[in-house]
Amino acid sequence: MKINSKKIIDNFLLANLFLVIIFSLYFIFAVFMQINGEGIYIIFFQKFWNPLIVPLITILIVSSLLSGITSWLQRKVRSLEEDI
């Protein structure tokens, strides 16, 4: 049984993206509830901000940057190979 590391990383990053989306939707809900006088939801969100949500957002941004850089480098290498 061969472990495909690219598939594992892709699944991890996909799950990370969905978690960021879910927390974003929850944040919008919490702000709406804060406006209506229910502050418990935003307090719950704040408790998870530093230990959970910030690393999720950081992983998402870093992986997007790395993906963009690697695809740019691959195109650059291909264009250099075609010039030869």
Protein backbone atom coordinates (compact mmCIF):
# COMPACT_ATOMS: atom_id res chain seq x y z
CA MET A 1 0.00 0.00 0.00
CA LYS A 2 1.64 3.19 -1.23
CA ILE A 3 0.82 6.43 0.56
CA ASN A 4 0.31 9.28 -1.88
CA SER A 5 1.64 12.32 -0.02
CA LYS A 6 0.27 14.80 -2.58
CA LYS A 7 -3.25 13.43 -2.10
CA ILE A 8 -2.91 13.65 1.70
CA ILE A 9 -1.67 17.25 1.50
CA ASP A 10 -4.45 18.17 -0.95
CA ASN A 11 -7.10 16.68 1.34
CA PHE A 12 -5.61 18.49 4.35
CA LEU A 13 -5.61 21.83 2.52
CA LEU A 14 -9.16 21.26 1.29
CA ALA A 15 -10.33 20.54 4.83
CA ASN A 16 -8.45 23.64 5.97
CA LEU A 17 -10.25 25.75 3.36
CA PHE A 18 -13.65 24.47 4.47
CA LEU A 19 -12.83 25.13 8.12
CA VAL A 20 -11.85 28.72 7.28
CA ILE A 21 -15.12 29.15 5.38
CA ILE A 22 -17.16 27.67 8.24
CA PHE A 23 -15.46 29.90 10.82
CA SER A 24 -16.00 32.92 8.55
CA LEU A 25 -19.71 32.17 8.34
CA TYR A 26 -19.84 31.68 12.10
CA PHE A 27 -18.08 35.02 12.58
CA ILE A 28 -20.69 36.77 10.43
CA PHE A 29 -23.40 35.08 12.49
CA ALA A 30 -21.69 36.07 15.76
CA VAL A 31 -21.39 39.71 14.68
CA PHE A 32 -25.06 39.75 13.68
CA MET A 33 -26.02 38.28 17.05
CA GLN A 34 -23.77 40.79 18.85
CA ILE A 35 -25.64 43.61 17.12
CA ASN A 36 -28.90 42.07 18.36
CA GLY A 37 -27.66 41.92 21.95
CA GLU A 38 -26.46 38.30 22.22
CA GLY A 39 -22.74 38.51 22.98
CA ILE A 40 -22.10 34.86 23.86
CA TYR A 41 -21.40 33.86 20.24
CA ILE A 42 -18.68 36.44 19.69
CA ILE A 43 -17.09 35.52 23.03
CA PHE A 44 -17.03 31.88 21.92
CA PHE A 45 -15.43 32.93 18.64
CA GLN A 46 -12.79 35.01 20.45
CA LYS A 47 -11.77 32.03 22.59
CA PHE A 48 -10.86 30.07 19.44
CA TRP A 49 -9.29 32.97 17.54
CA ASN A 50 -5.59 32.64 18.53
CA PRO A 51 -5.26 28.90 19.13
CA LEU A 52 -7.28 27.68 16.13
CA ILE A 53 -8.44 30.23 13.59
CA VAL A 54 -5.21 32.21 13.13
CA PRO A 55 -3.18 29.06 12.30
CA LEU A 56 -5.89 27.91 9.87
CA ILE A 57 -5.81 31.25 8.06
CA THR A 58 -1.99 31.25 8.08
CA ILE A 59 -1.84 27.76 6.54
CA LEU A 60 -4.35 28.82 3.88
CA ILE A 61 -2.38 31.94 2.92
CA VAL A 62 1.03 30.21 2.95
CA SER A 63 -0.23 27.29 0.88
CA SER A 64 -1.77 29.69 -1.65
CA LEU A 65 1.49 31.61 -1.93
CA LEU A 66 3.53 28.42 -2.30
CA SER A 67 1.15 27.12 -4.95
CA GLY A 68 1.40 30.36 -6.90
CA ILE A 69 5.19 30.49 -6.65
CA THR A 70 5.64 26.87 -7.71
CA SER A 71 3.29 27.23 -10.70
CA TRP A 72 5.11 30.43 -11.74
CA LEU A 73 8.47 28.66 -11.47
CA GLN A 74 7.20 25.68 -13.47
CA ARG A 75 5.99 27.98 -16.26
CA LYS A 76 9.31 29.83 -16.17
CA VAL A 77 11.28 26.57 -16.46
CA ARG A 78 9.07 25.35 -19.33
CA SER A 79 9.53 28.60 -21.22
CA LEU A 80 13.31 28.40 -20.73
CA GLU A 81 13.30 24.80 -22.01
CA GLU A 82 11.32 25.81 -25.09
CA ASP A 83 13.84 28.58 -25.87
CA ILE A 84 16.71 26.09 -25.97
